[in-house]
PDB file of all heavy atoms in Angstrom:
ATOM      1  N   VAL A   1      15.567  10.723   7.671  1.00  0.00           N
ATOM      2  CA  VAL A   1      15.394   9.297   7.417  1.00  0.00           C
ATOM      3  C   VAL A   1      14.321   8.799   8.380  1.00  0.00           C
ATOM      4  O   VAL A   1      14.136   9.385   9.462  1.00  0.00           O
ATOM      5  CB  VAL A   1      16.727   8.518   7.626  1.00  0.00           C
ATOM      6  CG1 VAL A   1      17.727   8.907   6.566  1.00  0.00           C
ATOM      7  CG2 VAL A   1      17.294   8.742   9.031  1.00  0.00           C
ATOM      8  N   PRO A   2      13.562   7.780   7.979  1.00  0.00           N
ATOM      9  CA  PRO A   2      13.726   6.978   6.770  1.00  0.00           C
ATOM     10  C   PRO A   2      12.968   7.553   5.582  1.00  0.00           C
ATOM     11  O   PRO A   2      12.166   8.482   5.721  1.00  0.00           O
ATOM     12  CB  PRO A   2      13.109   5.643   7.182  1.00  0.00           C
ATOM     13  CG  PRO A   2      11.969   6.058   8.083  1.00  0.00           C
ATOM     14  CD  PRO A   2      12.507   7.225   8.863  1.00  0.00           C
ATOM     15  N   CYS A   3      13.249   6.937   4.419  1.00  0.00           N
ATOM     16  CA  CYS A   3      12.462   7.188   3.225  1.00  0.00           C
ATOM     17  C   CYS A   3      12.266   5.837   2.553  1.00  0.00           C
ATOM     18  O   CYS A   3      13.214   5.037   2.480  1.00  0.00           O
ATOM     19  CB  CYS A   3      13.181   8.152   2.292  1.00  0.00           C
ATOM     20  SG  CYS A   3      12.314   8.448   0.731  1.00  0.00           S
ATOM     21  N   LEU A   4      11.070   5.550   2.128  1.00  0.00           N
ATOM     22  CA  LEU A   4      10.776   4.296   1.435  1.00  0.00           C
ATOM     23  C   LEU A   4      10.312   4.623   0.024  1.00  0.00           C
ATOM     24  O   LEU A   4       9.379   5.400  -0.166  1.00  0.00           O
ATOM     25  CB  LEU A   4       9.685   3.500   2.166  1.00  0.00           C
ATOM     26  CG  LEU A   4       9.427   2.114   1.575  1.00  0.00           C
ATOM     27  CD1 LEU A   4      10.517   1.139   2.022  1.00  0.00           C
ATOM     28  CD2 LEU A   4       8.052   1.584   1.996  1.00  0.00           C
ATOM     29  N   VAL A   5      10.970   4.029  -0.949  1.00  0.00           N
ATOM     30  CA  VAL A   5      10.590   4.208  -2.344  1.00  0.00           C
ATOM     31  C   VAL A   5       9.978   2.912  -2.847  1.00  0.00           C
ATOM     32  O   VAL A   5      10.609   1.846  -2.782  1.00  0.00           O
ATOM     33  CB  VAL A   5      11.795   4.615  -3.211  1.00  0.00           C
ATOM     34  CG1 VAL A   5      11.389   4.694  -4.680  1.00  0.00           C
ATOM     35  CG2 VAL A   5      12.356   5.955  -2.747  1.00  0.00           C
ATOM     36  N   ASP A   6       8.745   2.994  -3.306  1.00  0.00           N
ATOM     37  CA  ASP A   6       8.040   1.842  -3.859  1.00  0.00           C
ATOM     38  C   ASP A   6       7.551   2.223  -5.250  1.00  0.00           C
ATOM     39  O   ASP A   6       6.563   2.945  -5.391  1.00  0.00           O
ATOM     40  CB  ASP A   6       6.857   1.461  -2.958  1.00  0.00           C
ATOM     41  CG  ASP A   6       6.062   0.293  -3.519  1.00  0.00           C
ATOM     42  OD1 ASP A   6       6.649  -0.542  -4.225  1.00  0.00           O
ATOM     43  OD2 ASP A   6       4.836   0.227  -3.255  1.00  0.00           O
ATOM     44  N   GLY A   7       8.263   1.763  -6.275  1.00  0.00           N
ATOM     45  CA  GLY A   7       7.914   2.165  -7.626  1.00  0.00           C
ATOM     46  C   GLY A   7       8.177   3.648  -7.815  1.00  0.00           C
ATOM     47  O   GLY A   7       9.266   4.152  -7.559  1.00  0.00           O
ATOM     48  N   LYS A   8       7.141   4.382  -8.215  1.00  0.00           N
ATOM     49  CA  LYS A   8       7.265   5.828  -8.413  1.00  0.00           C
ATOM     50  C   LYS A   8       6.869   6.613  -7.178  1.00  0.00           C
ATOM     51  O   LYS A   8       6.865   7.841  -7.190  1.00  0.00           O
ATOM     52  CB  LYS A   8       6.390   6.265  -9.593  1.00  0.00           C
ATOM     53  CG  LYS A   8       6.829   5.682 -10.934  1.00  0.00           C
ATOM     54  CD  LYS A   8       5.939   6.187 -12.059  1.00  0.00           C
ATOM     55  CE  LYS A   8       6.382   5.618 -13.397  1.00  0.00           C
ATOM     56  NZ  LYS A   8       5.515   6.111 -14.507  1.00  0.00           N
ATOM     57  N   ARG A   9       6.540   5.911  -6.095  1.00  0.00           N
ATOM     58  CA  ARG A   9       6.077   6.580  -4.877  1.00  0.00           C
ATOM     59  C   ARG A   9       7.191   6.615  -3.842  1.00  0.00           C
ATOM     60  O   ARG A   9       7.796   5.585  -3.528  1.00  0.00           O
ATOM     61  CB  ARG A   9       4.856   5.847  -4.315  1.00  0.00           C
ATOM     62  CG  ARG A   9       4.299   6.461  -3.051  1.00  0.00           C
ATOM     63  CD  ARG A   9       3.078   5.716  -2.555  1.00  0.00           C
ATOM     64  NE  ARG A   9       1.905   6.046  -3.358  1.00  0.00           N
ATOM     65  CZ  ARG A   9       1.207   5.169  -4.068  1.00  0.00           C
ATOM     66  NH1 ARG A   9       1.585   3.908  -4.088  1.00  0.00           N
ATOM     67  NH2 ARG A   9       0.148   5.543  -4.752  1.00  0.00           N
ATOM     68  N   ALA A  10       7.467   7.800  -3.310  1.00  0.00           N
ATOM     69  CA  ALA A  10       8.438   7.969  -2.235  1.00  0.00           C
ATOM     70  C   ALA A  10       7.696   8.422  -0.985  1.00  0.00           C
ATOM     71  O   ALA A  10       6.919   9.376  -1.029  1.00  0.00           O
ATOM     72  CB  ALA A  10       9.501   8.986  -2.625  1.00  0.00           C
ATOM     73  N   LEU A  11       7.932   7.734   0.131  1.00  0.00           N
ATOM     74  CA  LEU A  11       7.207   8.029   1.371  1.00  0.00           C
ATOM     75  C   LEU A  11       8.181   8.381   2.484  1.00  0.00           C
ATOM     76  O   LEU A  11       9.287   7.836   2.561  1.00  0.00           O
ATOM     77  CB  LEU A  11       6.363   6.831   1.801  1.00  0.00           C
ATOM     78  CG  LEU A  11       5.341   6.324   0.786  1.00  0.00           C
ATOM     79  CD1 LEU A  11       5.847   5.053   0.131  1.00  0.00           C
ATOM     80  CD2 LEU A  11       4.002   6.074   1.446  1.00  0.00           C
ATOM     81  N   CYS A  12       7.754   9.274   3.364  1.00  0.00           N
ATOM     82  CA  CYS A  12       8.563   9.642   4.513  1.00  0.00           C
ATOM     83  C   CYS A  12       7.710   9.613   5.777  1.00  0.00           C
ATOM     84  O   CYS A  12       6.492   9.487   5.703  1.00  0.00           O
ATOM     85  CB  CYS A  12       9.199  11.017   4.317  1.00  0.00           C
ATOM     86  SG  CYS A  12       8.066  12.304   3.777  1.00  0.00           S
ATOM     87  N   GLN A  13       8.389   9.710   6.909  1.00  0.00           N
ATOM     88  CA  GLN A  13       7.796   9.586   8.248  1.00  0.00           C
ATOM     89  C   GLN A  13       7.434   8.120   8.526  1.00  0.00           C
ATOM     90  O   GLN A  13       6.580   7.533   7.865  1.00  0.00           O
ATOM     91  CB  GLN A  13       6.589  10.495   8.451  1.00  0.00           C
ATOM     92  CG  GLN A  13       6.907  11.976   8.332  1.00  0.00           C
ATOM     93  CD  GLN A  13       7.929  12.446   9.362  1.00  0.00           C
ATOM     94  OE1 GLN A  13       7.834  12.126  10.536  1.00  0.00           O
ATOM     95  NE2 GLN A  13       8.919  13.213   8.911  1.00  0.00           N
ATOM     96  N   SER A  14       8.095   7.552   9.517  1.00  0.00           N
ATOM     97  CA  SER A  14       8.002   6.108   9.755  1.00  0.00           C
ATOM     98  C   SER A  14       6.577   5.625  10.027  1.00  0.00           C
ATOM     99  O   SER A  14       6.172   4.576   9.520  1.00  0.00           O
ATOM    100  CB  SER A  14       8.918   5.705  10.920  1.00  0.00           C
ATOM    101  OG  SER A  14       8.569   6.396  12.115  1.00  0.00           O
ATOM    102  N   ALA A  15       5.805   6.372  10.810  1.00  0.00           N
ATOM    103  CA  ALA A  15       4.441   5.927  11.125  1.00  0.00           C
ATOM    104  C   ALA A  15       3.588   5.875   9.866  1.00  0.00           C
ATOM    105  O   ALA A  15       2.798   4.937   9.665  1.00  0.00           O
ATOM    106  CB  ALA A  15       3.802   6.853  12.159  1.00  0.00           C
ATOM    107  N   SER A  16       3.735   6.869   9.011  1.00  0.00           N
ATOM    108  CA  SER A  16       2.986   6.886   7.754  1.00  0.00           C
ATOM    109  C   SER A  16       3.412   5.728   6.857  1.00  0.00           C
ATOM    110  O   SER A  16       2.577   5.097   6.198  1.00  0.00           O
ATOM    111  CB  SER A  16       3.211   8.224   7.043  1.00  0.00           C
ATOM    112  OG  SER A  16       2.518   8.258   5.816  1.00  0.00           O
ATOM    113  N   ILE A  17       4.702   5.430   6.837  1.00  0.00           N
ATOM    114  CA  ILE A  17       5.203   4.322   6.028  1.00  0.00           C
ATOM    115  C   ILE A  17       4.647   2.996   6.550  1.00  0.00           C
ATOM    116  O   ILE A  17       4.257   2.116   5.762  1.00  0.00           O
ATOM    117  CB  ILE A  17       6.742   4.303   6.024  1.00  0.00           C
ATOM    118  CG1 ILE A  17       7.287   5.572   5.366  1.00  0.00           C
ATOM    119  CG2 ILE A  17       7.266   3.067   5.299  1.00  0.00           C
ATOM    120  CD1 ILE A  17       8.802   5.731   5.474  1.00  0.00           C
ATOM    121  N   LEU A  18       4.609   2.835   7.861  1.00  0.00           N
ATOM    122  CA  LEU A  18       4.062   1.601   8.438  1.00  0.00           C
ATOM    123  C   LEU A  18       2.600   1.406   8.029  1.00  0.00           C
ATOM    124  O   LEU A  18       2.179   0.297   7.688  1.00  0.00           O
ATOM    125  CB  LEU A  18       4.183   1.621   9.963  1.00  0.00           C
ATOM    126  CG  LEU A  18       5.593   1.544  10.553  1.00  0.00           C
ATOM    127  CD1 LEU A  18       5.529   1.562  12.072  1.00  0.00           C
ATOM    128  CD2 LEU A  18       6.329   0.302  10.071  1.00  0.00           C
ATOM    129  N   GLU A  19       1.820   2.472   8.069  1.00  0.00           N
ATOM    130  CA  GLU A  19       0.416   2.374   7.660  1.00  0.00           C
ATOM    131  C   GLU A  19       0.312   2.022   6.178  1.00  0.00           C
ATOM    132  O   GLU A  19      -0.543   1.234   5.771  1.00  0.00           O
ATOM    133  CB  GLU A  19      -0.315   3.683   7.952  1.00  0.00           C
ATOM    134  CG  GLU A  19      -0.562   3.928   9.434  1.00  0.00           C
ATOM    135  CD  GLU A  19      -1.545   5.060   9.672  1.00  0.00           C
ATOM    136  OE1 GLU A  19      -1.622   5.977   8.827  1.00  0.00           O
ATOM    137  OE2 GLU A  19      -2.246   5.017  10.695  1.00  0.00           O
ATOM    138  N   TYR A  20       1.178   2.595   5.376  1.00  0.00           N
ATOM    139  CA  TYR A  20       1.188   2.301   3.944  1.00  0.00           C
ATOM    140  C   TYR A  20       1.497   0.821   3.706  1.00  0.00           C
ATOM    141  O   TYR A  20       0.830   0.146   2.907  1.00  0.00           O
ATOM    142  CB  TYR A  20       2.222   3.178   3.243  1.00  0.00           C
ATOM    143  CG  TYR A  20       2.486   2.805   1.804  1.00  0.00           C
ATOM    144  CD1 TYR A  20       1.599   3.183   0.789  1.00  0.00           C
ATOM    145  CD2 TYR A  20       3.615   2.060   1.449  1.00  0.00           C
ATOM    146  CE1 TYR A  20       1.836   2.832  -0.527  1.00  0.00           C
ATOM    147  CE2 TYR A  20       3.863   1.715   0.131  1.00  0.00           C
ATOM    148  CZ  TYR A  20       2.968   2.100  -0.857  1.00  0.00           C
ATOM    149  OH  TYR A  20       3.201   1.736  -2.158  1.00  0.00           O
ATOM    150  N   LEU A  21       2.500   0.303   4.390  1.00  0.00           N
ATOM    151  CA  LEU A  21       2.875  -1.097   4.212  1.00  0.00           C
ATOM    152  C   LEU A  21       1.759  -2.038   4.662  1.00  0.00           C
ATOM    153  O   LEU A  21       1.493  -3.064   4.015  1.00  0.00           O
ATOM    154  CB  LEU A  21       4.164  -1.393   4.984  1.00  0.00           C
ATOM    155  CG  LEU A  21       5.438  -0.728   4.453  1.00  0.00           C
ATOM    156  CD1 LEU A  21       6.611  -0.985   5.391  1.00  0.00           C
ATOM    157  CD2 LEU A  21       5.757  -1.234   3.049  1.00  0.00           C
ATOM    158  N   ALA A  22       1.111  -1.711   5.774  1.00  0.00           N
ATOM    159  CA  ALA A  22       0.004  -2.534   6.250  1.00  0.00           C
ATOM    160  C   ALA A  22      -1.134  -2.537   5.235  1.00  0.00           C
ATOM    161  O   ALA A  22      -1.771  -3.571   4.989  1.00  0.00           O
ATOM    162  CB  ALA A  22      -0.482  -2.025   7.604  1.00  0.00           C
ATOM    163  N   GLU A  23      -1.396  -1.383   4.636  1.00  0.00           N
ATOM    164  CA  GLU A  23      -2.448  -1.270   3.631  1.00  0.00           C
ATOM    165  C   GLU A  23      -2.085  -2.045   2.367  1.00  0.00           C
ATOM    166  O   GLU A  23      -2.919  -2.720   1.776  1.00  0.00           O
ATOM    167  CB  GLU A  23      -2.666   0.211   3.296  1.00  0.00           C
ATOM    168  CG  GLU A  23      -3.798   0.489   2.320  1.00  0.00           C
ATOM    169  CD  GLU A  23      -5.180   0.390   2.954  1.00  0.00           C
ATOM    170  OE1 GLU A  23      -5.272   0.346   4.194  1.00  0.00           O
ATOM    171  OE2 GLU A  23      -6.158   0.366   2.196  1.00  0.00           O
ATOM    172  N   ARG A  24      -0.834  -1.945   1.952  1.00  0.00           N
ATOM    173  CA  ARG A  24      -0.399  -2.591   0.705  1.00  0.00           C
ATOM    174  C   ARG A  24      -0.340  -4.109   0.824  1.00  0.00           C
ATOM    175  O   ARG A  24      -0.670  -4.830  -0.119  1.00  0.00           O
ATOM    176  CB  ARG A  24       0.980  -2.058   0.302  1.00  0.00           C
ATOM    177  CG  ARG A  24       0.970  -0.718  -0.351  1.00  0.00           C
ATOM    178  CD  ARG A  24       0.568  -0.804  -1.836  1.00  0.00           C
ATOM    179  NE  ARG A  24       1.724  -1.091  -2.671  1.00  0.00           N
ATOM    180  CZ  ARG A  24       1.921  -2.226  -3.336  1.00  0.00           C
ATOM    181  NH1 ARG A  24       1.044  -3.200  -3.243  1.00  0.00           N
ATOM    182  NH2 ARG A  24       2.985  -2.408  -4.092  1.00  0.00           N
ATOM    183  N   THR A  25       0.079  -4.589   1.982  1.00  0.00           N
ATOM    184  CA  THR A  25       0.265  -6.032   2.139  1.00  0.00           C
ATOM    185  C   THR A  25      -0.928  -6.725   2.797  1.00  0.00           C
ATOM    186  O   THR A  25      -1.080  -7.936   2.680  1.00  0.00           O
ATOM    187  CB  THR A  25       1.512  -6.325   2.987  1.00  0.00           C
ATOM    188  OG1 THR A  25       1.321  -5.820   4.321  1.00  0.00           O
ATOM    189  CG2 THR A  25       2.753  -5.686   2.375  1.00  0.00           C
ATOM    190  N   GLY A  26      -1.751  -5.943   3.528  1.00  0.00           N
ATOM    191  CA  GLY A  26      -2.835  -6.561   4.282  1.00  0.00           C
ATOM    192  C   GLY A  26      -2.347  -7.269   5.533  1.00  0.00           C
ATOM    193  O   GLY A  26      -3.079  -8.055   6.140  1.00  0.00           O
ATOM    194  N   LYS A  27      -1.110  -6.995   5.953  1.00  0.00           N
ATOM    195  CA  LYS A  27      -0.516  -7.661   7.120  1.00  0.00           C
ATOM    196  C   LYS A  27      -0.262  -6.649   8.240  1.00  0.00           C
ATOM    197  O   LYS A  27       0.025  -5.486   7.982  1.00  0.00           O
ATOM    198  CB  LYS A  27       0.798  -8.341   6.737  1.00  0.00           C
ATOM    199  CG  LYS A  27       0.636  -9.431   5.682  1.00  0.00           C
ATOM    200  CD  LYS A  27       1.976 -10.021   5.279  1.00  0.00           C
ATOM    201  CE  LYS A  27       1.811 -11.104   4.225  1.00  0.00           C
ATOM    202  NZ  LYS A  27       3.105 -11.682   3.805  1.00  0.00           N
ATOM    203  N   LEU A  28      -0.377  -7.144   9.487  1.00  0.00           N
ATOM    204  CA  LEU A  28      -0.108  -6.336  10.682  1.00  0.00           C
ATOM    205  C   LEU A  28      -0.981  -5.087  10.761  1.00  0.00           C
ATOM    206  O   LEU A  28      -0.614  -4.095  11.381  1.00  0.00           O
ATOM    207  CB  LEU A  28       1.369  -5.910  10.737  1.00  0.00           C
ATOM    208  CG  LEU A  28       2.419  -7.021  10.745  1.00  0.00           C
ATOM    209  CD1 LEU A  28       3.818  -6.418  10.752  1.00  0.00           C
ATOM    210  CD2 LEU A  28       2.249  -7.940  11.945  1.00  0.00           C
ATOM    211  N   SER A  29      -2.156  -5.157  10.147  1.00  0.00           N
ATOM    212  CA  SER A  29      -2.992  -3.957  10.064  1.00  0.00           C
ATOM    213  C   SER A  29      -4.097  -3.904  11.112  1.00  0.00           C
ATOM    214  O   SER A  29      -4.690  -2.850  11.328  1.00  0.00           O
ATOM    215  CB  SER A  29      -3.627  -3.858   8.673  1.00  0.00           C
ATOM    216  OG  SER A  29      -4.412  -5.004   8.403  1.00  0.00           O
ATOM    217  N   GLY A  30      -4.395  -5.039  11.771  1.00  0.00           N
ATOM    218  CA  GLY A  30      -5.539  -5.092  12.681  1.00  0.00           C
ATOM    219  C   GLY A  30      -6.690  -5.811  12.002  1.00  0.00           C
ATOM    220  O   GLY A  30      -6.859  -5.727  10.784  1.00  0.00           O
ATOM    221  N   LYS A  31      -7.493  -6.512  12.801  1.00  0.00           N
ATOM    222  CA  LYS A  31      -8.544  -7.364  12.247  1.00  0.00           C
ATOM    223  C   LYS A  31      -9.823  -6.618  11.918  1.00  0.00           C
ATOM    224  O   LYS A  31     -10.633  -7.096  11.136  1.00  0.00           O
ATOM    225  CB  LYS A  31      -8.862  -8.489  13.241  1.00  0.00           C
ATOM    226  CG  LYS A  31      -7.686  -9.398  13.554  1.00  0.00           C
ATOM    227  CD  LYS A  31      -7.221 -10.156  12.337  1.00  0.00           C
ATOM    228  CE  LYS A  31      -6.110 -11.145  12.702  1.00  0.00           C
ATOM    229  NZ  LYS A  31      -5.589 -11.845  11.510  1.00  0.00           N
ATOM    230  N   SER A  32     -10.048  -5.473  12.500  1.00  0.00           N
ATOM    231  CA  SER A  32     -11.314  -4.773  12.305  1.00  0.00           C
ATOM    232  C   SER A  32     -11.077  -3.267  12.246  1.00  0.00           C
ATOM    233  O   SER A  32      -9.967  -2.783  12.523  1.00  0.00           O
ATOM    234  CB  SER A  32     -12.275  -5.086  13.455  1.00  0.00           C
ATOM    235  OG  SER A  32     -11.770  -4.555  14.679  1.00  0.00           O
TER     236      SER A  32
END
């Protein structure tokens, strides 16, 4: 754990999931 399922995509490893969420939402990703 954890595992995040978004639609048909399943993601593992928390750091990778955090990067995915930042990319998908455009939030908490850094300004530059």
